Amino acid sequence: MQIFADGIRNTVGIAIDANDDMWGVDIGATRLFREDLGGDIQHVAPAIELNRFLESNRGRHYGYPWCFSTDVFGDYPKGTQFAWPLDEGAQTDEWCRNVQNVSDP
């Protein structure tokens, strides 16, 4: 056995499209409070993610539990990654924006 995708959160739907690509929908983050981003941001920042799991990305880390994606949030583009506030100091926003695979703890 091997890990195909890691760091996904509460995938509630998985489907295979006509090109045999696998897609999954993840529920957005909860309990988000970061003073530097305006305090309680759980109702304005988390995105419900639609991930495309390509064979070429086998083993990729998608961020959870260290990172979350934004939807529409301030001046940040949709999909911007931020460090999860519950593990403050464990990872940085910069690390989250560059995370690529499961070997990056």
N, C-alpha and C. Protein backbone atom coordinates (compact mmCIF):
# COMPACT_ATOMS: atom_id res chain seq x y z
N MET A 1 0.83 -1.17 0.00
CA MET A 1 0.00 0.00 0.00
C MET A 1 0.88 1.24 0.00
N GLN A 2 0.35 2.31 -0.58
CA GLN A 2 1.06 3.58 -0.56
C GLN A 2 0.05 4.71 -0.48
N ILE A 3 0.51 5.84 0.00
CA ILE A 3 -0.36 7.01 0.13
C ILE A 3 -0.51 7.66 -1.24
N PHE A 4 -1.76 7.85 -1.66
CA PHE A 4 -2.02 8.51 -2.93
C PHE A 4 -2.17 10.02 -2.71
N ALA A 5 -2.91 10.42 -1.67
CA ALA A 5 -3.09 11.83 -1.33
C ALA A 5 -3.15 11.94 0.19
N ASP A 6 -2.47 12.95 0.72
CA ASP A 6 -2.42 13.16 2.16
C ASP A 6 -2.79 14.61 2.44
N GLY A 7 -3.22 14.89 3.65
CA GLY A 7 -3.51 16.27 4.01
C GLY A 7 -4.82 16.78 3.47
N ILE A 8 -5.76 15.88 3.21
CA ILE A 8 -7.09 16.30 2.80
C ILE A 8 -7.98 16.24 4.03
N ARG A 9 -9.03 17.08 4.05
CA ARG A 9 -9.86 17.17 5.25
C ARG A 9 -11.32 16.90 4.93
N ASN A 10 -11.85 15.83 5.49
CA ASN A 10 -13.27 15.52 5.37
C ASN A 10 -13.75 15.50 3.93
N THR A 11 -13.12 14.70 3.10
CA THR A 11 -13.57 14.58 1.72
C THR A 11 -14.95 13.94 1.71
N VAL A 12 -15.94 14.68 1.22
CA VAL A 12 -17.32 14.22 1.26
C VAL A 12 -17.82 13.72 -0.10
N GLY A 13 -17.03 13.89 -1.11
CA GLY A 13 -17.44 13.40 -2.43
C GLY A 13 -16.21 13.08 -3.26
N ILE A 14 -16.21 11.93 -3.89
CA ILE A 14 -15.12 11.54 -4.79
C ILE A 14 -15.77 11.06 -6.08
N ALA A 15 -15.19 11.48 -7.20
CA ALA A 15 -15.72 11.07 -8.50
C ALA A 15 -14.58 10.91 -9.49
N ILE A 16 -14.82 10.10 -10.50
CA ILE A 16 -13.88 9.91 -11.61
C ILE A 16 -14.53 10.54 -12.84
N ASP A 17 -13.77 11.41 -13.54
CA ASP A 17 -14.35 12.07 -14.71
C ASP A 17 -14.11 11.25 -15.99
N ALA A 18 -14.52 11.78 -17.11
CA ALA A 18 -14.42 11.07 -18.39
C ALA A 18 -12.97 10.81 -18.82
N ASN A 19 -12.02 11.55 -18.23
CA ASN A 19 -10.59 11.35 -18.52
C ASN A 19 -9.92 10.43 -17.52
N ASP A 20 -10.70 9.78 -16.66
CA ASP A 20 -10.22 8.91 -15.59
C ASP A 20 -9.42 9.66 -14.53
N ASP A 21 -9.65 10.96 -14.39
CA ASP A 21 -9.05 11.74 -13.30
C ASP A 21 -9.98 11.68 -12.10
N MET A 22 -9.40 11.56 -10.91
CA MET A 22 -10.18 11.51 -9.69
C MET A 22 -10.27 12.92 -9.08
N TRP A 23 -11.46 13.27 -8.61
CA TRP A 23 -11.73 14.55 -7.98
C TRP A 23 -12.32 14.31 -6.60
N GLY A 24 -12.05 15.21 -5.65
CA GLY A 24 -12.63 15.11 -4.32
C GLY A 24 -12.99 16.48 -3.78
N VAL A 25 -14.09 16.56 -3.05
CA VAL A 25 -14.55 17.80 -2.44
C VAL A 25 -14.32 17.70 -0.94
N ASP A 26 -13.57 18.66 -0.38
CA ASP A 26 -13.29 18.72 1.05
C ASP A 26 -14.09 19.82 1.71
N ILE A 27 -14.57 19.56 2.91
CA ILE A 27 -15.25 20.57 3.71
C ILE A 27 -14.21 21.58 4.19
N GLY A 28 -14.57 22.86 4.18
CA GLY A 28 -13.67 23.91 4.61
C GLY A 28 -13.33 23.85 6.09
N ALA A 29 -12.35 24.62 6.47
CA ALA A 29 -11.84 24.64 7.83
C ALA A 29 -12.83 25.26 8.81
N THR A 30 -12.72 24.89 10.07
CA THR A 30 -13.52 25.47 11.14
C THR A 30 -12.60 25.93 12.27
N ARG A 31 -13.16 26.65 13.23
CA ARG A 31 -12.42 27.16 14.39
C ARG A 31 -11.18 27.94 13.99
N LEU A 32 -11.36 28.88 13.07
CA LEU A 32 -10.24 29.68 12.61
C LEU A 32 -10.21 31.03 13.32
N PHE A 33 -9.18 31.25 14.10
CA PHE A 33 -8.99 32.53 14.77
C PHE A 33 -7.53 32.88 14.66
N ARG A 34 -7.25 33.92 13.92
CA ARG A 34 -5.88 34.44 13.82
C ARG A 34 -5.95 35.95 13.94
N GLU A 35 -5.38 36.46 15.02
CA GLU A 35 -5.40 37.90 15.30
C GLU A 35 -4.82 38.69 14.12
N ASP A 36 -3.76 38.18 13.51
CA ASP A 36 -3.10 38.91 12.42
C ASP A 36 -3.96 38.97 11.15
N LEU A 37 -5.01 38.16 11.07
CA LEU A 37 -5.90 38.17 9.91
C LEU A 37 -7.28 38.73 10.24
N GLY A 38 -7.42 39.31 11.44
CA GLY A 38 -8.69 39.93 11.79
C GLY A 38 -9.47 39.22 12.87
N GLY A 39 -8.88 38.24 13.54
CA GLY A 39 -9.57 37.54 14.63
C GLY A 39 -10.32 36.31 14.16
N ASP A 40 -11.64 36.30 14.37
CA ASP A 40 -12.48 35.16 14.01
C ASP A 40 -12.74 35.20 12.51
N ILE A 41 -12.10 34.32 11.77
CA ILE A 41 -12.21 34.33 10.30
C ILE A 41 -12.92 33.10 9.76
N GLN A 42 -13.49 32.28 10.61
CA GLN A 42 -14.05 31.01 10.14
C GLN A 42 -15.24 31.18 9.20
N HIS A 43 -15.91 32.33 9.24
CA HIS A 43 -17.08 32.51 8.38
C HIS A 43 -16.76 33.28 7.10
N VAL A 44 -15.55 33.82 7.00
CA VAL A 44 -15.20 34.60 5.81
C VAL A 44 -14.03 34.02 5.03
N ALA A 45 -13.23 33.15 5.63
CA ALA A 45 -12.01 32.72 4.97
C ALA A 45 -11.99 31.30 4.42
N PRO A 46 -12.51 30.29 5.12
CA PRO A 46 -12.26 28.92 4.66
C PRO A 46 -12.98 28.60 3.36
N ALA A 47 -12.28 27.85 2.55
CA ALA A 47 -12.87 27.43 1.28
C ALA A 47 -13.26 25.96 1.35
N ILE A 48 -14.29 25.62 0.61
CA ILE A 48 -14.57 24.22 0.35
C ILE A 48 -13.70 23.89 -0.85
N GLU A 49 -12.83 22.93 -0.70
CA GLU A 49 -11.85 22.65 -1.75
C GLU A 49 -12.34 21.59 -2.71
N LEU A 50 -12.05 21.83 -3.97
CA LEU A 50 -12.24 20.83 -5.00
C LEU A 50 -10.84 20.45 -5.46
N ASN A 51 -10.43 19.23 -5.15
CA ASN A 51 -9.09 18.76 -5.48
C ASN A 51 -9.14 17.78 -6.64
N ARG A 52 -8.20 17.92 -7.53
CA ARG A 52 -8.02 16.98 -8.64
C ARG A 52 -6.81 16.13 -8.30
N PHE A 53 -7.02 14.84 -8.15
CA PHE A 53 -5.96 13.92 -7.74
C PHE A 53 -5.39 13.23 -8.97
N LEU A 54 -4.35 13.82 -9.53
CA LEU A 54 -3.72 13.26 -10.71
C LEU A 54 -2.69 12.21 -10.33
N GLU A 55 -2.52 11.23 -11.18
CA GLU A 55 -1.50 10.20 -10.96
C GLU A 55 -0.12 10.85 -10.82
N SER A 56 0.12 11.91 -11.58
CA SER A 56 1.42 12.58 -11.52
C SER A 56 1.65 13.28 -10.18
N ASN A 57 0.59 13.48 -9.39
CA ASN A 57 0.72 14.08 -8.06
C ASN A 57 0.64 13.06 -6.94
N ARG A 58 0.79 11.79 -7.26
CA ARG A 58 0.72 10.73 -6.24
C ARG A 58 1.63 11.08 -5.07
N GLY A 59 1.09 10.99 -3.85
CA GLY A 59 1.84 11.28 -2.64
C GLY A 59 1.82 12.74 -2.23
N ARG A 60 1.17 13.59 -2.99
CA ARG A 60 1.13 15.01 -2.68
C ARG A 60 0.41 15.26 -1.35
N HIS A 61 0.89 16.26 -0.64
CA HIS A 61 0.26 16.69 0.60
C HIS A 61 -0.59 17.92 0.28
N TYR A 62 -1.86 17.90 0.68
CA TYR A 62 -2.79 18.98 0.37
C TYR A 62 -2.98 19.98 1.52
N GLY A 63 -2.19 19.86 2.59
CA GLY A 63 -2.15 20.91 3.60
C GLY A 63 -2.64 20.60 4.99
N TYR A 64 -3.74 19.87 5.13
CA TYR A 64 -4.31 19.64 6.46
C TYR A 64 -3.41 18.69 7.26
N PRO A 65 -3.16 18.91 8.53
CA PRO A 65 -3.76 19.86 9.45
C PRO A 65 -2.97 21.15 9.61
N TRP A 66 -1.95 21.37 8.80
CA TRP A 66 -1.11 22.56 8.98
C TRP A 66 -1.61 23.78 8.22
N CYS A 67 -2.39 23.57 7.16
CA CYS A 67 -2.76 24.68 6.29
C CYS A 67 -4.24 24.63 5.92
N PHE A 68 -4.78 25.80 5.56
CA PHE A 68 -6.14 25.86 5.04
C PHE A 68 -6.15 26.82 3.85
N SER A 69 -7.12 26.61 2.97
CA SER A 69 -7.28 27.46 1.80
C SER A 69 -8.37 28.49 2.06
N THR A 70 -8.23 29.66 1.43
CA THR A 70 -9.26 30.68 1.56
C THR A 70 -10.18 30.68 0.35
N ASP A 71 -11.36 31.19 0.58
CA ASP A 71 -12.30 31.44 -0.51
C ASP A 71 -12.12 32.91 -0.86
N VAL A 72 -13.09 33.73 -0.62
CA VAL A 72 -12.96 35.16 -0.85
C VAL A 72 -12.57 35.78 0.49
N PHE A 73 -11.39 36.40 0.54
CA PHE A 73 -10.88 36.89 1.81
C PHE A 73 -9.98 38.10 1.59
N GLY A 74 -10.49 39.29 1.91
CA GLY A 74 -9.69 40.51 1.78
C GLY A 74 -9.12 40.66 0.38
N ASP A 75 -7.86 40.99 0.33
CA ASP A 75 -7.17 41.18 -0.96
C ASP A 75 -6.49 39.89 -1.44
N TYR A 76 -6.68 38.80 -0.72
CA TYR A 76 -6.03 37.54 -1.09
C TYR A 76 -6.82 36.83 -2.18
N PRO A 77 -6.13 36.30 -3.19
CA PRO A 77 -6.85 35.55 -4.23
C PRO A 77 -7.44 34.26 -3.68
N LYS A 78 -8.53 33.82 -4.29
CA LYS A 78 -9.17 32.56 -3.91
C LYS A 78 -8.13 31.45 -3.97
N GLY A 79 -8.11 30.61 -2.95
CA GLY A 79 -7.18 29.50 -2.90
C GLY A 79 -5.88 29.79 -2.17
N THR A 80 -5.70 31.02 -1.67
CA THR A 80 -4.49 31.35 -0.93
C THR A 80 -4.40 30.44 0.30
N GLN A 81 -3.22 29.94 0.57
CA GLN A 81 -2.99 29.06 1.71
C GLN A 81 -2.47 29.84 2.91
N PHE A 82 -2.96 29.47 4.09
CA PHE A 82 -2.51 30.06 5.36
C PHE A 82 -2.24 28.94 6.35
N ALA A 83 -1.38 29.23 7.33
CA ALA A 83 -1.08 28.26 8.38
C ALA A 83 -2.28 28.13 9.32
N TRP A 84 -2.58 26.90 9.70
CA TRP A 84 -3.69 26.59 10.59
C TRP A 84 -3.42 27.18 11.97
N PRO A 85 -4.34 27.94 12.55
CA PRO A 85 -4.07 28.60 13.83
C PRO A 85 -3.98 27.66 15.01
N LEU A 86 -4.56 26.46 14.95
CA LEU A 86 -4.50 25.56 16.09
C LEU A 86 -3.11 25.01 16.33
N ASP A 87 -2.28 25.03 15.31
CA ASP A 87 -0.90 24.56 15.43
C ASP A 87 0.03 25.75 15.24
N GLU A 88 -0.30 26.84 15.89
CA GLU A 88 0.46 28.07 15.72
C GLU A 88 1.95 27.82 15.90
N GLY A 89 2.71 28.25 14.95
CA GLY A 89 4.15 28.07 14.99
C GLY A 89 4.62 26.78 14.36
N ALA A 90 3.71 25.81 14.15
CA ALA A 90 4.11 24.54 13.55
C ALA A 90 4.53 24.73 12.09
N GLN A 91 3.79 25.58 11.38
CA GLN A 91 4.12 25.89 10.00
C GLN A 91 3.85 27.38 9.78
N THR A 92 4.37 27.90 8.69
CA THR A 92 4.17 29.31 8.36
C THR A 92 3.28 29.42 7.13
N ASP A 93 2.74 30.61 6.90
CA ASP A 93 1.96 30.85 5.69
C ASP A 93 2.81 30.55 4.45
N GLU A 94 4.06 30.96 4.48
CA GLU A 94 4.95 30.71 3.34
C GLU A 94 5.11 29.21 3.07
N TRP A 95 5.31 28.42 4.13
CA TRP A 95 5.44 26.97 3.96
C TRP A 95 4.16 26.41 3.35
N CYS A 96 3.01 26.86 3.84
CA CYS A 96 1.74 26.36 3.33
C CYS A 96 1.55 26.68 1.86
N ARG A 97 2.05 27.81 1.42
CA ARG A 97 1.90 28.18 0.01
C ARG A 97 2.84 27.42 -0.89
N ASN A 98 3.80 26.73 -0.30
CA ASN A 98 4.76 25.95 -1.09
C ASN A 98 4.71 24.46 -0.86
N VAL A 99 3.81 23.98 0.02
CA VAL A 99 3.75 22.56 0.36
C VAL A 99 3.43 21.75 -0.89
N GLN A 100 4.17 20.68 -1.11
CA GLN A 100 3.97 19.87 -2.30
C GLN A 100 3.80 18.39 -2.06
N ASN A 101 4.43 17.84 -1.03
CA ASN A 101 4.31 16.40 -0.87
C ASN A 101 4.40 15.95 0.58
N VAL A 102 4.08 14.69 0.81
CA VAL A 102 4.00 14.17 2.17
C VAL A 102 5.34 14.09 2.87
N SER A 103 6.43 14.21 2.16
CA SER A 103 7.73 14.15 2.82
C SER A 103 8.09 15.49 3.46
N ASP A 104 7.28 16.53 3.24
CA ASP A 104 7.51 17.83 3.87
C ASP A 104 6.73 17.92 5.17
N PRO A 105 7.33 17.61 6.31
CA PRO A 105 6.58 17.64 7.57
C PRO A 105 6.25 19.07 8.01
